C-alpha atoms as a PDB file:
ATOM      1  CA  MET A   1      19.855 -11.818   1.290  1.00  0.00           C
ATOM      2  CA  ILE A   2      15.422 -10.485   1.251  1.00  0.00           C
ATOM      3  CA  LEU A   3      14.764  -8.454   4.054  1.00  0.00           C
ATOM      4  CA  ILE A   4      11.300  -8.650   5.073  1.00  0.00           C
ATOM      5  CA  LEU A   5      10.038  -5.587   7.621  1.00  0.00           C
ATOM      6  CA  ALA A   6       6.828  -7.285   8.341  1.00  0.00           C
ATOM      7  CA  ARG A   7       4.807  -7.701  12.141  1.00  0.00           C
ATOM      8  CA  PRO A   8       4.000 -10.968  13.350  1.00  0.00           C
ATOM      9  CA  ARG A   9       0.985 -12.880  12.278  1.00  0.00           C
ATOM     10  CA  ASP A  10       0.571 -10.725   9.041  1.00  0.00           C
ATOM     11  CA  PRO A  11      -0.748 -12.559   5.695  1.00  0.00           C
ATOM     12  CA  HIS A  12       1.096 -10.967   3.289  1.00  0.00           C
ATOM     13  CA  GLY A  13       4.404 -11.521   5.303  1.00  0.00           C
ATOM     14  CA  ASP A  14       3.598 -15.602   6.358  1.00  0.00           C
ATOM     15  CA  ARG A  15       3.036 -16.280   2.744  1.00  0.00           C
ATOM     16  CA  MET A  16       6.155 -14.601   1.238  1.00  0.00           C
ATOM     17  CA  ALA A  17       8.542 -16.376   3.840  1.00  0.00           C
ATOM     18  CA  GLU A  18       6.702 -19.817   2.992  1.00  0.00           C
ATOM     19  CA  PHE A  19       7.388 -19.317  -0.388  1.00  0.00           C
ATOM     20  CA  LEU A  20      10.539 -17.780  -0.233  1.00  0.00           C
ATOM     21  CA  ASP A  21      11.459 -21.339   1.795  1.00  0.00           C
ATOM     22  CA  ARG A  22       9.961 -23.616  -0.449  1.00  0.00           C
ATOM     23  CA  LYS A  23      12.486 -21.891  -3.026  1.00  0.00           C
ATOM     24  CA  ASN A  24      15.560 -21.919  -0.476  1.00  0.00           C
ATOM     25  CA  VAL A  25      15.962 -18.220  -0.755  1.00  0.00           C
ATOM     26  CA  GLU A  26      17.353 -16.540   2.755  1.00  0.00           C
ATOM     27  CA  TYR A  27      15.887 -13.776   3.673  1.00  0.00           C
ATOM     28  CA  LEU A  28      15.022 -11.994   7.789  1.00  0.00           C
ATOM     29  CA  ARG A  29      12.120 -11.514   8.518  1.00  0.00           C
ATOM     30  CA  LEU A  30      12.134  -8.234  11.041  1.00  0.00           C
ATOM     31  CA  ASP A  31       8.928  -7.293  13.003  1.00  0.00           C
ATOM     32  CA  THR A  32      11.227  -3.703  14.374  1.00  0.00           C
ATOM     33  CA  GLY A  33       8.265  -3.640  17.058  1.00  0.00           C
ATOM     34  CA  GLY A  34      10.865  -6.099  19.067  1.00  0.00           C
ATOM     35  CA  ILE A  35      13.609  -3.199  19.143  1.00  0.00           C
ATOM     36  CA  PRO A  36      15.856  -2.512  21.747  1.00  0.00           C
ATOM     37  CA  GLN A  37      14.570  -5.531  24.131  1.00  0.00           C
ATOM     38  CA  GLY A  38      13.912  -8.252  21.959  1.00  0.00           C
ATOM     39  CA  ILE A  39      16.606  -7.577  18.837  1.00  0.00           C
ATOM     40  CA  PRO A  40      20.171  -6.457  20.102  1.00  0.00           C
ATOM     41  CA  HIS A  41      21.215  -4.460  17.391  1.00  0.00           C
ATOM     42  CA  SER A  42      24.635  -2.622  16.104  1.00  0.00           C
ATOM     43  CA  ILE A  43      26.394  -0.225  13.647  1.00  0.00           C
ATOM     44  CA  ARG A  44      29.971  -0.454  13.661  1.00  0.00           C
ATOM     45  CA  TYR A  45      32.301   2.096  12.090  1.00  0.00           C
ATOM     46  CA  SER A  46      35.928   0.440  11.792  1.00  0.00           C
ATOM     47  CA  GLY A  47      38.388   1.809   9.296  1.00  0.00           C
ATOM     48  CA  GLN A  48      37.345   1.685   6.014  1.00  0.00           C
ATOM     49  CA  THR A  49      34.246  -0.237   6.510  1.00  0.00           C
ATOM     50  CA  CYS A  50      30.707  -0.203   8.370  1.00  0.00           C
ATOM     51  CA  SER A  51      29.163  -3.760   9.663  1.00  0.00           C
ATOM     52  CA  PRO A  52      24.969  -2.772  10.553  1.00  0.00           C
ATOM     53  CA  LEU A  53      24.270  -5.878  12.838  1.00  0.00           C
ATOM     54  CA  LEU A  54      21.059  -7.159  14.241  1.00  0.00           C
ATOM     55  CA  ARG A  55      20.618 -10.483  16.158  1.00  0.00           C
ATOM     56  CA  VAL A  56      17.427 -12.374  15.659  1.00  0.00           C
ATOM     57  CA  GLU A  57      16.496 -15.657  17.639  1.00  0.00           C
ATOM     58  CA  GLY A  58      20.008 -16.038  18.369  1.00  0.00           C
ATOM     59  CA  ARG A  59      20.990 -15.352  14.484  1.00  0.00           C
ATOM     60  CA  THR A  60      23.660 -12.527  14.006  1.00  0.00           C
ATOM     61  CA  VAL A  61      23.040 -10.829  10.872  1.00  0.00           C
ATOM     62  CA  ASP A  62      25.307  -8.190   8.584  1.00  0.00           C
ATOM     63  CA  LEU A  63      22.920  -6.322   7.205  1.00  0.00           C
ATOM     64  CA  ASN A  64      25.231  -5.704   4.358  1.00  0.00           C
ATOM     65  CA  GLU A  65      24.302  -8.706   2.609  1.00  0.00           C
ATOM     66  CA  VAL A  66      21.023  -7.795   1.888  1.00  0.00           C
ATOM     67  CA  ARG A  67      20.107  -6.919  -2.016  1.00  0.00           C
ATOM     68  CA  ALA A  68      16.171  -6.204  -1.626  1.00  0.00           C
ATOM     69  CA  VAL A  69      13.985  -5.086   0.897  1.00  0.00           C
ATOM     70  CA  TRP A  70      10.253  -5.558   1.423  1.00  0.00           C
ATOM     71  CA  ASN A  71       9.457  -2.494   3.188  1.00  0.00           C
ATOM     72  CA  HIS A  72       5.670  -3.925   3.802  1.00  0.00           C
ATOM     73  CA  ARG A  73       4.648  -3.084   7.579  1.00  0.00           C
ATOM     74  CA  GLN A  74       7.047  -2.063  10.452  1.00  0.00           C
ATOM     75  CA  ALA A  75       5.774  -1.396  13.950  1.00  0.00           C
ATOM     76  CA  PRO A  76       7.598   1.153  15.636  1.00  0.00           C
ATOM     77  CA  ALA A  77       9.956   0.509  18.394  1.00  0.00           C
ATOM     78  CA  ASN A  78       8.681  -0.243  21.836  1.00  0.00           C
ATOM     79  CA  PRO A  79      11.372   0.855  24.514  1.00  0.00           C
ATOM     80  CA  SER A  80      11.147  -0.815  28.200  1.00  0.00           C
ATOM     81  CA  GLU A  81       7.413   0.059  30.275  1.00  0.00           C
ATOM     82  CA  GLN A  82       9.176  -0.093  33.181  1.00  0.00           C
ATOM     83  CA  MET A  83      10.499   3.349  32.384  1.00  0.00           C
ATOM     84  CA  ASN A  84       9.181   6.375  32.941  1.00  0.00           C
ATOM     85  CA  PRO A  85       7.242   8.368  30.760  1.00  0.00           C
ATOM     86  CA  ALA A  86       9.871  10.721  30.222  1.00  0.00           C
ATOM     87  CA  ASP A  87      12.826   8.733  29.584  1.00  0.00           C
ATOM     88  CA  ARG A  88      10.086   5.891  27.599  1.00  0.00           C
ATOM     89  CA  GLU A  89       9.470   9.067  24.925  1.00  0.00           C
ATOM     90  CA  PHE A  90      13.301   9.519  24.824  1.00  0.00           C
ATOM     91  CA  ALA A  91      14.267   5.860  24.704  1.00  0.00           C
ATOM     92  CA  PHE A  92      11.811   6.085  21.505  1.00  0.00           C
ATOM     93  CA  GLY A  93      13.590   8.673  20.085  1.00  0.00           C
ATOM     94  CA  GLU A  94      16.756   7.690  20.102  1.00  0.00           C
ATOM     95  CA  CYS A  95      15.446   3.647  18.779  1.00  0.00           C
ATOM     96  CA  ALA A  96      13.836   5.411  15.925  1.00  0.00           C
ATOM     97  CA  HIS A  97      16.539   7.456  14.971  1.00  0.00           C
ATOM     98  CA  PHE A  98      18.923   4.269  15.105  1.00  0.00           C
ATOM     99  CA  VAL A  99      16.195   2.176  12.804  1.00  0.00           C
ATOM    100  CA  HIS A 100      16.214   5.092  10.412  1.00  0.00           C
ATOM    101  CA  GLY A 101      19.966   4.754  10.592  1.00  0.00           C
ATOM    102  CA  LEU A 102      19.784   1.309   9.302  1.00  0.00           C
ATOM    103  CA  TRP A 103      17.187   1.872   6.060  1.00  0.00           C
ATOM    104  CA  LEU A 104      19.744   4.903   6.101  1.00  0.00           C
ATOM    105  CA  LEU A 105      22.833   2.901   5.403  1.00  0.00           C
ATOM    106  CA  LEU A 106      20.579   0.271   2.677  1.00  0.00           C
ATOM    107  CA  LYS A 107      19.637   2.959   0.998  1.00  0.00           C
ATOM    108  CA  ASP A 108      21.436   2.121  -2.461  1.00  0.00           C
ATOM    109  CA  ARG A 109      19.370  -1.332  -1.687  1.00  0.00           C
ATOM    110  CA  PHE A 110      16.646  -2.627  -4.118  1.00  0.00           C
ATOM    111  CA  TRP A 111      13.553  -1.481  -1.861  1.00  0.00           C
ATOM    112  CA  VAL A 112       9.709  -2.296  -2.296  1.00  0.00           C
ATOM    113  CA  ASN A 113       8.916   0.571  -1.825  1.00  0.00           C
ATOM    114  CA  PRO A 114      11.890   3.181  -1.450  1.00  0.00           C
ATOM    115  CA  LEU A 115      11.203   4.876   1.764  1.00  0.00           C
ATOM    116  CA  GLN A 116      10.636   8.733   0.529  1.00  0.00           C
ATOM    117  CA  ALA A 117       9.048   7.700  -1.922  1.00  0.00           C
ATOM    118  CA  GLY A 118       6.283   5.728  -0.570  1.00  0.00           C
ATOM    119  CA  GLN A 119       5.621   8.469   2.238  1.00  0.00           C
ATOM    120  CA  ALA A 120       4.614  11.010  -0.360  1.00  0.00           C
ATOM    121  CA  ALA A 121       2.976   8.668  -2.811  1.00  0.00           C
ATOM    122  CA  GLU A 122       0.578   8.415   0.196  1.00  0.00           C
ATOM    123  CA  ASN A 123      -0.825  11.698   0.103  1.00  0.00           C
ATOM    124  CA  LYS A 124      -3.375  12.210  -1.590  1.00  0.00           C
ATOM    125  CA  ALA A 125      -3.428  15.303  -2.746  1.00  0.00           C
ATOM    126  CA  TYR A 126       0.342  14.863  -4.462  1.00  0.00           C
ATOM    127  CA  GLN A 127      -1.336  11.460  -5.822  1.00  0.00           C
ATOM    128  CA  LEU A 128      -4.069  13.251  -7.794  1.00  0.00           C
ATOM    129  CA  LYS A 129      -1.799  16.022  -9.345  1.00  0.00           C
ATOM    130  CA  VAL A 130       0.534  13.539 -10.446  1.00  0.00           C
ATOM    131  CA  ALA A 131      -1.888  11.203 -12.013  1.00  0.00           C
ATOM    132  CA  GLU A 132      -3.602  14.534 -13.557  1.00  0.00           C
ATOM    133  CA  SER A 133       0.113  15.327 -14.796  1.00  0.00           C
ATOM    134  CA  VAL A 134       0.359  11.791 -16.431  1.00  0.00           C
ATOM    135  CA  GLY A 135      -3.077  11.780 -18.354  1.00  0.00           C
ATOM    136  CA  LEU A 136      -5.437   9.817 -16.758  1.00  0.00           C
ATOM    137  CA  ALA A 137      -8.787  11.321 -15.549  1.00  0.00           C
ATOM    138  CA  VAL A 138      -9.077  12.233 -11.520  1.00  0.00           C
ATOM    139  CA  PRO A 139     -12.758  13.025  -9.659  1.00  0.00           C
ATOM    140  CA  ARG A 140     -12.960  16.658  -9.208  1.00  0.00           C
ATOM    141  CA  THR A 141     -11.696  17.108  -5.644  1.00  0.00           C
ATOM    142  CA  LEU A 142     -12.452  19.063  -2.627  1.00  0.00           C
ATOM    143  CA  MET A 143     -10.436  18.632   0.471  1.00  0.00           C
ATOM    144  CA  THR A 144     -11.689  20.660   3.282  1.00  0.00           C
ATOM    145  CA  ASN A 145     -12.613  21.240   7.070  1.00  0.00           C
ATOM    146  CA  GLU A 146     -14.906  24.019   5.937  1.00  0.00           C
ATOM    147  CA  PRO A 147     -18.844  22.929   6.272  1.00  0.00           C
ATOM    148  CA  GLU A 148     -19.919  26.072   3.874  1.00  0.00           C
ATOM    149  CA  GLU A 149     -17.491  25.469   0.930  1.00  0.00           C
ATOM    150  CA  ALA A 150     -18.410  21.411   1.457  1.00  0.00           C
ATOM    151  CA  VAL A 151     -21.886  22.593   0.668  1.00  0.00           C
ATOM    152  CA  ALA A 152     -20.921  24.614  -2.205  1.00  0.00           C
ATOM    153  CA  PHE A 153     -18.940  22.068  -3.830  1.00  0.00           C
ATOM    154  CA  PHE A 154     -22.230  19.490  -3.568  1.00  0.00           C
ATOM    155  CA  ASP A 155     -23.820  21.975  -5.544  1.00  0.00           C
ATOM    156  CA  GLU A 156     -20.979  21.936  -8.014  1.00  0.00           C
ATOM    157  CA  CYS A 157     -20.999  18.315  -8.384  1.00  0.00           C
ATOM    158  CA  HIS A 158     -25.014  18.657  -9.279  1.00  0.00           C
ATOM    159  CA  GLY A 159     -26.171  16.879  -5.859  1.00  0.00           C
ATOM    160  CA  ARG A 160     -24.050  13.028  -6.652  1.00  0.00           C
ATOM    161  CA  MET A 161     -20.955  13.859  -4.601  1.00  0.00           C
ATOM    162  CA  ILE A 162     -18.793  11.062  -1.849  1.00  0.00           C
ATOM    163  CA  TYR A 163     -16.655  11.449   1.232  1.00  0.00           C
ATOM    164  CA  LYS A 164     -13.808   9.288   2.068  1.00  0.00           C
ATOM    165  CA  ALA A 165     -10.983   9.541   4.882  1.00  0.00           C
ATOM    166  CA  PHE A 166      -7.523  10.368   4.364  1.00  0.00           C
ATOM    167  CA  ASN A 167      -6.252   7.745   5.658  1.00  0.00           C
ATOM    168  CA  GLN A 168      -7.325   4.575   6.582  1.00  0.00           C
ATOM    169  CA  TYR A 169      -9.827   4.260  10.303  1.00  0.00           C
ATOM    170  CA  ASN A 170     -10.523   0.958  11.983  1.00  0.00           C
ATOM    171  CA  ARG A 171     -10.994   1.467  15.548  1.00  0.00           C
ATOM    172  CA  PRO A 172     -12.812  -2.142  18.287  1.00  0.00           C
ATOM    173  CA  GLY A 173     -16.632  -0.894  18.133  1.00  0.00           C
ATOM    174  CA  PRO A 174     -18.659  -2.193  21.430  1.00  0.00           C
ATOM    175  CA  ASP A 175     -19.816  -5.311  20.610  1.00  0.00           C
ATOM    176  CA  GLY A 176     -15.725  -6.325  19.594  1.00  0.00           C
ATOM    177  CA  ARG A 177     -16.026  -5.698  15.913  1.00  0.00           C
ATOM    178  CA  TYR A 178     -13.909  -3.193  14.085  1.00  0.00           C
ATOM    179  CA  LEU A 179     -15.454  -0.499  12.786  1.00  0.00           C
ATOM    180  CA  GLY A 180     -13.941   1.720   9.977  1.00  0.00           C
ATOM    181  CA  ILE A 181     -14.673   4.750   7.379  1.00  0.00           C
ATOM    182  CA  TYR A 182     -15.348   3.708   4.002  1.00  0.00           C
ATOM    183  CA  THR A 183     -16.335   5.764   0.929  1.00  0.00           C
ATOM    184  CA  ASN A 184     -20.028   7.257   1.106  1.00  0.00           C
ATOM    185  CA  VAL A 185     -22.751   8.983  -0.958  1.00  0.00           C
ATOM    186  CA  VAL A 186     -23.497  11.805   0.826  1.00  0.00           C
ATOM    187  CA  THR A 187     -26.124  14.664   0.861  1.00  0.00           C
ATOM    188  CA  LYS A 188     -27.144  18.167   2.160  1.00  0.00           C
ATOM    189  CA  ASP A 189     -28.053  17.703   4.722  1.00  0.00           C
ATOM    190  CA  ASP A 190     -25.369  15.233   6.301  1.00  0.00           C
ATOM    191  CA  LEU A 191     -23.099  17.981   4.924  1.00  0.00           C
ATOM    192  CA  TRP A 192     -25.499  20.709   7.637  1.00  0.00           C
ATOM    193  CA  SER A 193     -26.101  18.102  10.121  1.00  0.00           C
ATOM    194  CA  ARG A 194     -22.465  17.162  10.927  1.00  0.00           C
ATOM    195  CA  ARG A 195     -21.282  20.920   9.815  1.00  0.00           C
ATOM    196  CA  GLU A 196     -19.050  20.919  13.722  1.00  0.00           C
ATOM    197  CA  GLN A 197     -17.477  17.276  12.846  1.00  0.00           C
ATOM    198  CA  ILE A 198     -16.297  18.475   9.162  1.00  0.00           C
ATOM    199  CA  ARG A 199     -14.819  21.372  11.233  1.00  0.00           C
ATOM    200  CA  LEU A 200     -12.378  19.143  13.012  1.00  0.00           C
ATOM    201  CA  ALA A 201     -10.591  17.598  10.350  1.00  0.00           C
ATOM    202  CA  PRO A 202     -10.207  18.083   7.155  1.00  0.00           C
ATOM    203  CA  CYS A 203     -12.547  15.749   4.809  1.00  0.00           C
ATOM    204  CA  ILE A 204     -12.138  14.637   1.104  1.00  0.00           C
ATOM    205  CA  PHE A 205     -14.836  15.253  -0.862  1.00  0.00           C
ATOM    206  CA  GLN A 206     -15.167  14.392  -4.767  1.00  0.00           C
ATOM    207  CA  GLU A 207     -17.875  14.247  -7.323  1.00  0.00           C
ATOM    208  CA  TYR A 208     -19.428  10.882  -7.435  1.00  0.00           C
ATOM    209  CA  VAL A 209     -18.130   8.737 -10.178  1.00  0.00           C
ATOM    210  CA  PRO A 210     -20.606   5.933 -11.771  1.00  0.00           C
ATOM    211  CA  LYS A 211     -19.597   2.724 -12.789  1.00  0.00           C
ATOM    212  CA  LYS A 212     -19.553   0.247 -14.880  1.00  0.00           C
ATOM    213  CA  LEU A 213     -16.662  -1.367 -12.954  1.00  0.00           C
ATOM    214  CA  GLU A 214     -14.371  -0.847 -10.170  1.00  0.00           C
ATOM    215  CA  LEU A 215     -10.868  -2.053 -11.236  1.00  0.00           C
ATOM    216  CA  ARG A 216      -8.164  -2.968  -9.319  1.00  0.00           C
ATOM    217  CA  ILE A 217      -4.578  -3.279 -10.571  1.00  0.00           C
ATOM    218  CA  THR A 218      -1.757  -4.559  -8.509  1.00  0.00           C
ATOM    219  CA  ALA A 219       1.388  -3.480 -10.180  1.00  0.00           C
ATOM    220  CA  ILE A 220       5.179  -5.315  -9.844  1.00  0.00           C
ATOM    221  CA  GLY A 221       7.957  -3.853 -10.787  1.00  0.00           C
ATOM    222  CA  CYS A 222       6.912  -3.577 -14.542  1.00  0.00           C
ATOM    223  CA  GLN A 223       3.894  -5.922 -14.861  1.00  0.00           C
ATOM    224  CA  LEU A 224       0.234  -5.329 -14.343  1.00  0.00           C
ATOM    225  CA  PHE A 225      -2.396  -7.352 -13.396  1.00  0.00           C
ATOM    226  CA  THR A 226      -5.234  -6.655 -13.323  1.00  0.00           C
ATOM    227  CA  VAL A 227      -9.302  -7.638 -11.848  1.00  0.00           C
ATOM    228  CA  ALA A 228     -12.036  -5.934 -12.475  1.00  0.00           C
ATOM    229  CA  ILE A 229     -14.473  -5.627  -9.167  1.00  0.00           C
ATOM    230  CA  ASP A 230     -18.579  -5.746 -10.493  1.00  0.00           C
ATOM    231  CA  ALA A 231     -20.528  -5.146  -6.874  1.00  0.00           C
ATOM    232  CA  GLN A 232     -23.662  -2.857  -8.751  1.00  0.00           C
ATOM    233  CA  GLY A 233     -25.467  -5.713  -8.195  1.00  0.00           C
ATOM    234  CA  SER A 234     -24.615  -5.709  -4.078  1.00  0.00           C
ATOM    235  CA  SER A 235     -26.572  -3.029  -1.256  1.00  0.00           C
ATOM    236  CA  ARG A 236     -23.244  -2.972   0.588  1.00  0.00           C
ATOM    237  CA  GLY A 237     -20.428  -3.239  -1.827  1.00  0.00           C
ATOM    238  CA  LYS A 238     -22.360  -0.811  -4.620  1.00  0.00           C
ATOM    239  CA  GLU A 239     -20.316   2.239  -3.405  1.00  0.00           C
ATOM    240  CA  ASP A 240     -17.386   0.842  -1.965  1.00  0.00           C
ATOM    241  CA  TRP A 241     -16.193  -2.893  -2.630  1.00  0.00           C
ATOM    242  CA  ARG A 242     -14.168  -2.773   0.243  1.00  0.00           C
ATOM    243  CA  HIS A 243     -17.534  -4.321   2.322  1.00  0.00           C
ATOM    244  CA  PHE A 244     -16.692  -7.316   0.672  1.00  0.00           C
ATOM    245  CA  ASP A 245     -19.973  -8.957  -0.011  1.00  0.00           C
ATOM    246  CA  HIS A 246     -18.655 -12.268  -2.004  1.00  0.00           C
ATOM    247  CA  ASP A 247     -21.671 -13.748  -2.809  1.00  0.00           C
ATOM    248  CA  ASN A 248     -22.818 -10.383  -4.952  1.00  0.00           C
ATOM    249  CA  THR A 249     -19.729  -9.506  -6.823  1.00  0.00           C
ATOM    250  CA  ASN A 250     -17.835 -10.423  -9.427  1.00  0.00           C
ATOM    251  CA  TYR A 251     -14.480 -10.757  -9.833  1.00  0.00           C
ATOM    252  CA  GLN A 252     -13.062 -10.659 -13.070  1.00  0.00           C
ATOM    253  CA  VAL A 253      -9.032 -10.896 -14.748  1.00  0.00           C
ATOM    254  CA  PHE A 254      -9.561  -7.630 -16.866  1.00  0.00           C
ATOM    255  CA  GLU A 255      -7.128  -6.563 -19.567  1.00  0.00           C
ATOM    256  CA  MET A 256      -7.091  -3.175 -20.253  1.00  0.00           C
ATOM    257  CA  PRO A 257      -6.102  -0.409 -22.565  1.00  0.00           C
ATOM    258  CA  GLU A 258      -2.068   0.476 -23.722  1.00  0.00           C
ATOM    259  CA  THR A 259      -3.069   4.098 -23.178  1.00  0.00           C
ATOM    260  CA  ILE A 260      -4.103   3.404 -19.661  1.00  0.00           C
ATOM    261  CA  LYS A 261      -1.564   0.422 -19.010  1.00  0.00           C
ATOM    262  CA  ALA A 262       0.929   3.537 -20.661  1.00  0.00           C
ATOM    263  CA  ALA A 263      -0.242   6.493 -17.847  1.00  0.00           C
ATOM    264  CA  ILE A 264      -0.065   3.954 -14.871  1.00  0.00           C
ATOM    265  CA  HIS A 265       3.337   2.903 -15.676  1.00  0.00           C
ATOM    266  CA  GLY A 266       4.306   7.075 -16.461  1.00  0.00           C
ATOM    267  CA  LEU A 267       2.188   7.353 -12.682  1.00  0.00           C
ATOM    268  CA  LEU A 268       4.186   4.628 -11.006  1.00  0.00           C
ATOM    269  CA  ASP A 269       7.632   6.418 -12.825  1.00  0.00           C
ATOM    270  CA  ARG A 270       7.086   9.721 -11.011  1.00  0.00           C
ATOM    271  CA  LEU A 271       6.016   8.822  -7.900  1.00  0.00           C
ATOM    272  CA  GLY A 272       8.693   6.397  -7.538  1.00  0.00           C
ATOM    273  CA  LEU A 273       6.875   3.443  -6.837  1.00  0.00           C
ATOM    274  CA  VAL A 274       7.562  -0.497  -7.897  1.00  0.00           C
ATOM    275  CA  PHE A 275       5.003  -1.588  -6.317  1.00  0.00           C
ATOM    276  CA  GLY A 276       0.819  -0.472  -5.544  1.00  0.00           C
ATOM    277  CA  GLY A 277      -2.649  -0.786  -5.908  1.00  0.00           C
ATOM    278  CA  ILE A 278      -4.137   0.994  -8.331  1.00  0.00           C
ATOM    279  CA  ASP A 279      -7.753   1.728  -7.956  1.00  0.00           C
ATOM    280  CA  VAL A 280      -9.731   3.271 -11.049  1.00  0.00           C
ATOM    281  CA  VAL A 281     -13.114   2.873 -12.494  1.00  0.00           C
ATOM    282  CA  LEU A 282     -14.183   2.343 -15.920  1.00  0.00           C
ATOM    283  CA  THR A 283     -17.947   4.936 -16.069  1.00  0.00           C
ATOM    284  CA  PRO A 284     -20.752   3.326 -18.426  1.00  0.00           C
ATOM    285  CA  ASP A 285     -19.516   5.599 -21.115  1.00  0.00           C
ATOM    286  CA  GLY A 286     -15.881   3.898 -21.051  1.00  0.00           C
ATOM    287  CA  ARG A 287     -14.049   6.437 -19.836  1.00  0.00           C
ATOM    288  CA  PHE A 288     -11.744   5.167 -16.862  1.00  0.00           C
ATOM    289  CA  VAL A 289     -11.389   7.509 -13.624  1.00  0.00           C
ATOM    290  CA  PHE A 290      -8.597   7.725 -11.398  1.00  0.00           C
ATOM    291  CA  LEU A 291      -9.138   7.409  -7.634  1.00  0.00           C
ATOM    292  CA  GLU A 292      -5.909   6.438  -5.842  1.00  0.00           C
ATOM    293  CA  VAL A 293      -2.865   4.572  -5.068  1.00  0.00           C
ATOM    294  CA  ASN A 294      -1.566   2.516  -2.400  1.00  0.00           C
ATOM    295  CA  GLN A 295       1.781   1.788  -1.607  1.00  0.00           C
ATOM    296  CA  VAL A 296       0.956  -1.037   1.439  1.00  0.00           C
ATOM    297  CA  CYS A 297      -1.936  -2.923  -0.574  1.00  0.00           C
ATOM    298  CA  GLN A 298      -3.360  -6.155  -0.091  1.00  0.00           C
ATOM    299  CA  TRP A 299      -3.332  -8.254  -2.762  1.00  0.00           C
ATOM    300  CA  HIS A 300      -3.083 -11.828  -2.123  1.00  0.00           C
ATOM    301  CA  TRP A 301      -7.156 -11.854  -2.040  1.00  0.00           C
ATOM    302  CA  VAL A 302      -6.794 -10.585  -5.748  1.00  0.00           C
ATOM    303  CA  GLU A 303      -4.707 -14.089  -6.247  1.00  0.00           C
ATOM    304  CA  MET A 304      -7.576 -16.312  -4.321  1.00  0.00           C
ATOM    305  CA  LEU A 305     -10.401 -15.233  -6.180  1.00  0.00           C
ATOM    306  CA  THR A 306      -8.754 -14.760  -9.579  1.00  0.00           C
ATOM    307  CA  GLY A 307      -5.706 -17.227  -9.965  1.00  0.00           C
ATOM    308  CA  LEU A 308      -3.789 -14.110 -11.240  1.00  0.00           C
ATOM    309  CA  PRO A 309       0.708 -14.955  -9.870  1.00  0.00           C
ATOM    310  CA  LEU A 310       0.881 -11.631  -7.248  1.00  0.00           C
ATOM    311  CA  LEU A 311       3.219 -14.294  -4.655  1.00  0.00           C
ATOM    312  CA  ALA A 312       5.231 -15.690  -7.771  1.00  0.00           C
ATOM    313  CA  ASN A 313       5.541 -12.459  -9.529  1.00  0.00           C
ATOM    314  CA  PHE A 314       6.799 -10.448  -6.061  1.00  0.00           C
ATOM    315  CA  ALA A 315       9.062 -13.512  -5.057  1.00  0.00           C
ATOM    316  CA  GLU A 316      11.052 -12.992  -8.028  1.00  0.00           C
ATOM    317  CA  MET A 317      11.187  -8.967  -8.298  1.00  0.00           C
ATOM    318  CA  LEU A 318      12.518  -9.971  -4.793  1.00  0.00           C
ATOM    319  CA  ILE A 319      14.944 -12.362  -5.587  1.00  0.00           C
ATOM    320  CA  GLN A 320      16.100 -10.577  -8.822  1.00  0.00           C
ATOM    321  CA  ALA A 321      15.946  -7.259  -6.786  1.00  0.00           C
ATOM    322  CA  THR A 322      15.028  -4.872  -9.727  1.00  0.00           C
ATOM    323  CA  PRO A 323      11.041  -4.198 -11.331  1.00  0.00           C
ATOM    324  CA  SER A 324      12.428  -5.154 -15.033  1.00  0.00           C
ATOM    325  CA  TYR A 325      12.414  -8.656 -13.287  1.00  0.00           C
ATOM    326  CA  GLN A 326      11.789 -11.579 -15.621  1.00  0.00           C
ATOM    327  CA  PRO A 327       8.599 -13.096 -14.919  1.00  0.00           C
ATOM    328  CA  PRO A 328       8.439 -16.941 -13.279  1.00  0.00           C
ATOM    329  CA  GLN A 329       6.683 -17.769 -16.619  1.00  0.00           C
ATOM    330  CA  ALA A 330       9.644 -16.488 -18.378  1.00  0.00           C
ATOM    331  CA  LEU A 331      12.075 -18.165 -16.582  1.00  0.00           C
ATOM    332  CA  LEU A 332      10.108 -21.579 -16.845  1.00  0.00           C
ATOM    333  CA  GLU A 333      10.113 -20.875 -21.264  1.00  0.00           C
ATOM    334  CA  SER A 334      13.644 -19.976 -21.027  1.00  0.00           C
ATOM    335  CA  ALA A 335      14.258 -23.355 -19.034  1.00  0.00           C
ATOM    336  CA  VAL A 336      12.390 -25.631 -21.821  1.00  0.00           C
ATOM    337  CA  THR A 337      14.163 -23.781 -24.578  1.00  0.00           C
ATOM    338  CA  ALA A 338      17.361 -24.287 -23.023  1.00  0.00           C
ATOM    339  CA  GLY A 339      17.104 -28.067 -22.663  1.00  0.00           C
END
């Protein structure tokens, strides 16, 4: 059985569930935000056996049957709001401890991605160090909340510098639309005028890397799927393609050099990841520069725009419960040969 940890109305979780349904593969989709009231749960020890049980929509599930876990997006537990705040905080801690215990009991199963590795891989400072250690070029980078350091670094970058956040940030604006923080080119005036804001929290500043193409590499086990994103003709997406100006952006399947592929595999191995979205810049002079890796990335848009079979490959990795899974096309060819 495959355990999918995903929130309700999550498009990636929805599509995976539909795909597994079509293949008649047994799975449990679990919204951890339903714990404790909505999802009764227990762990029973008896003799030499340990039985972690969940009751979801009238179905009793023994998690010992789980072979693979897709840790997509977990929601925090949601204790009853009828409790006073102190008791609710206590209940929240108890739920978190229990849920963490469930995952530890399953740590010998195939995880996408392993919990501790995934959490460590989300750290931007750690990513850059590991990327450099496997031979990937990385931009000169400063992480600081000191405006004076930022100004000095701006000069070191010859006046070409960008700012980006450590974490994705979205909040509703006054008109109801969500506001987010994207990669932005900054000037020295920006640094001085916002110096008090800089002091409030650490910022990531990097030298600006000129772009011929931006590459999104989706790693699914041992397979790498790369799309080249040419947003240089878009005023909105030129500095950060995540603004998604599709009318002025070109998306094409891209074949990376073997040396870069090997370095990407080395990065994933050292981070302990079996899945991730890696962002790389191809510069006008032909250099490949690593920007970051996201261990819980969005990937369906890549399939929609390019036709790359990401869903089928991802599902096959979960079904076979190994990063060295046999891709769907290889399975088809072997069936034809056998016939």
